[in-house]
C-alpha atoms as a PDB file:
ATOM      1  CA  MET A   1     -31.195 -33.057  -1.813  1.00  0.00           C
ATOM      2  CA  ASN A   2     -29.808 -30.084  -3.693  1.00  0.00           C
ATOM      3  CA  THR A   3     -26.378 -28.626  -2.697  1.00  0.00           C
ATOM      4  CA  THR A   4     -25.193 -25.368  -4.068  1.00  0.00           C
ATOM      5  CA  ILE A   5     -21.615 -24.677  -3.903  1.00  0.00           C
ATOM      6  CA  SER A   6     -20.632 -21.046  -4.059  1.00  0.00           C
ATOM      7  CA  THR A   7     -17.297 -20.335  -5.632  1.00  0.00           C
ATOM      8  CA  LYS A   8     -15.670 -16.935  -5.203  1.00  0.00           C
ATOM      9  CA  THR A   9     -12.904 -15.775  -7.505  1.00  0.00           C
ATOM     10  CA  TYR A  10     -10.350 -13.588  -5.825  1.00  0.00           C
ATOM     11  CA  THR A  11      -7.744 -11.579  -7.667  1.00  0.00           C
ATOM     12  CA  THR A  12      -4.456 -10.405  -6.267  1.00  0.00           C
ATOM     13  CA  LYS A  13      -2.709  -7.418  -7.584  1.00  0.00           C
ATOM     14  CA  THR A  14       0.892  -6.716  -7.052  1.00  0.00           C
ATOM     15  CA  TYR A  15       1.964  -3.125  -6.531  1.00  0.00           C
ATOM     16  CA  ARG A  16       5.636  -2.029  -6.742  1.00  0.00           C
ATOM     17  CA  LEU A  17       6.641   1.483  -5.834  1.00  0.00           C
ATOM     18  CA  LEU A  18      10.116   1.933  -7.287  1.00  0.00           C
ATOM     19  CA  SER A  19      12.935   4.269  -6.123  1.00  0.00           C
ATOM     20  CA  ALA A  20      14.446   6.783  -8.447  1.00  0.00           C
ATOM     21  CA  GLU A  21      17.902   8.261  -8.479  1.00  0.00           C
ATOM     22  CA  TRP A  22      16.655  11.167  -6.263  1.00  0.00           C
ATOM     23  CA  ILE A  23      14.124   9.379  -4.070  1.00  0.00           C
ATOM     24  CA  CYS A  24      14.428   6.351  -1.848  1.00  0.00           C
ATOM     25  CA  THR A  25      10.906   4.911  -1.716  1.00  0.00           C
ATOM     26  CA  PRO A  26      11.337   2.711   1.317  1.00  0.00           C
ATOM     27  CA  ALA A  27      12.420   5.829   3.300  1.00  0.00           C
ATOM     28  CA  MET A  28       9.518   7.777   2.200  1.00  0.00           C
ATOM     29  CA  ILE A  29       7.047   5.059   3.278  1.00  0.00           C
ATOM     30  CA  GLN A  30       8.845   4.781   6.622  1.00  0.00           C
ATOM     31  CA  LEU A  31       8.642   8.617   6.955  1.00  0.00           C
ATOM     32  CA  ALA A  32       4.827   8.526   6.240  1.00  0.00           C
ATOM     33  CA  VAL A  33       4.287   5.561   8.631  1.00  0.00           C
ATOM     34  CA  ALA A  34       6.219   7.344  11.560  1.00  0.00           C
ATOM     35  CA  GLN A  35       4.434  10.566  10.936  1.00  0.00           C
ATOM     36  CA  PHE A  36       0.882   8.946  10.690  1.00  0.00           C
ATOM     37  CA  PRO A  37       0.104   9.041  14.386  1.00  0.00           C
ATOM     38  CA  PHE A  38       0.936  12.702  14.602  1.00  0.00           C
ATOM     39  CA  ASP A  39      -0.327  14.063  11.266  1.00  0.00           C
ATOM     40  CA  PRO A  40      -2.397  11.412   9.382  1.00  0.00           C
ATOM     41  CA  ASP A  41      -3.588  13.798   6.564  1.00  0.00           C
ATOM     42  CA  TRP A  42       0.079  14.745   5.845  1.00  0.00           C
ATOM     43  CA  SER A  43       1.100  11.100   5.606  1.00  0.00           C
ATOM     44  CA  ILE A  44      -1.690  10.178   3.382  1.00  0.00           C
ATOM     45  CA  LYS A  45      -1.054  13.224   1.147  1.00  0.00           C
ATOM     46  CA  LEU A  46       2.578  12.228   0.919  1.00  0.00           C
ATOM     47  CA  LEU A  47       1.691   8.979  -0.672  1.00  0.00           C
ATOM     48  CA  THR A  48      -1.235  10.000  -2.718  1.00  0.00           C
ATOM     49  CA  ASP A  49       0.665  12.940  -4.342  1.00  0.00           C
ATOM     50  CA  GLY A  50       4.051  11.318  -4.351  1.00  0.00           C
ATOM     51  CA  PHE A  51       3.030   7.870  -5.733  1.00  0.00           C
ATOM     52  CA  SER A  52      -0.391   8.486  -7.178  1.00  0.00           C
ATOM     53  CA  LEU A  53      -1.987   6.022  -4.822  1.00  0.00           C
ATOM     54  CA  SER A  54      -5.676   6.136  -3.933  1.00  0.00           C
ATOM     55  CA  ARG A  55      -6.525   7.490  -0.475  1.00  0.00           C
ATOM     56  CA  ASP A  56      -7.630   4.028   0.677  1.00  0.00           C
ATOM     57  CA  MET A  57      -4.223   2.453  -0.376  1.00  0.00           C
ATOM     58  CA  ALA A  58      -2.250   5.234   1.214  1.00  0.00           C
ATOM     59  CA  GLU A  59      -4.175   5.054   4.457  1.00  0.00           C
ATOM     60  CA  GLY A  60      -3.843   1.238   4.524  1.00  0.00           C
ATOM     61  CA  LEU A  61      -0.061   1.453   4.158  1.00  0.00           C
ATOM     62  CA  VAL A  62       0.536   4.105   6.733  1.00  0.00           C
ATOM     63  CA  SER A  63      -1.806   2.496   9.284  1.00  0.00           C
ATOM     64  CA  GLY A  64      -0.512  -1.014   8.796  1.00  0.00           C
ATOM     65  CA  ALA A  65      -3.719  -2.439   7.429  1.00  0.00           C
ATOM     66  CA  ILE A  66      -1.892  -3.234   4.229  1.00  0.00           C
ATOM     67  CA  PRO A  67       1.448  -4.997   4.910  1.00  0.00           C
ATOM     68  CA  TYR A  68       4.299  -4.275   2.651  1.00  0.00           C
ATOM     69  CA  GLN A  69       7.791  -5.616   1.890  1.00  0.00           C
ATOM     70  CA  VAL A  70      11.015  -3.822   1.007  1.00  0.00           C
ATOM     71  CA  ILE A  71      12.774  -5.561  -1.936  1.00  0.00           C
ATOM     72  CA  ASP A  72      15.898  -4.123  -2.848  1.00  0.00           C
ATOM     73  CA  GLU A  73      14.928  -0.392  -3.348  1.00  0.00           C
ATOM     74  CA  ALA A  74      11.222  -1.005  -4.002  1.00  0.00           C
ATOM     75  CA  VAL A  75       8.155  -1.248  -1.751  1.00  0.00           C
ATOM     76  CA  VAL A  76       5.979  -4.118  -2.676  1.00  0.00           C
ATOM     77  CA  PHE A  77       2.470  -4.831  -1.494  1.00  0.00           C
ATOM     78  CA  TYR A  78      -0.506  -6.894  -2.516  1.00  0.00           C
ATOM     79  CA  ILE A  79      -4.200  -6.168  -2.737  1.00  0.00           C
ATOM     80  CA  THR A  80      -6.713  -8.947  -3.020  1.00  0.00           C
ATOM     81  CA  THR A  81     -10.208  -8.267  -4.342  1.00  0.00           C
ATOM     82  CA  LYS A  82     -13.294 -10.334  -5.211  1.00  0.00           C
END
């Protein structure tokens, strides 16, 4: 009897979007999330242009598909890939 065990390696990457003296990142993310149902393109563009995120990441954040945490004045989220 042969048994094959498949092992998959997953990698989790941590992203931290930091605030600056002139910008409060948690407020920007909240603004994009609140506006998403009304103008999804604007919300996604705010995050892709403002934080250099990929479109998929930005859409995931504003749609709620990617959960995030506010830690101090930073927004932190995790992406797990195979």
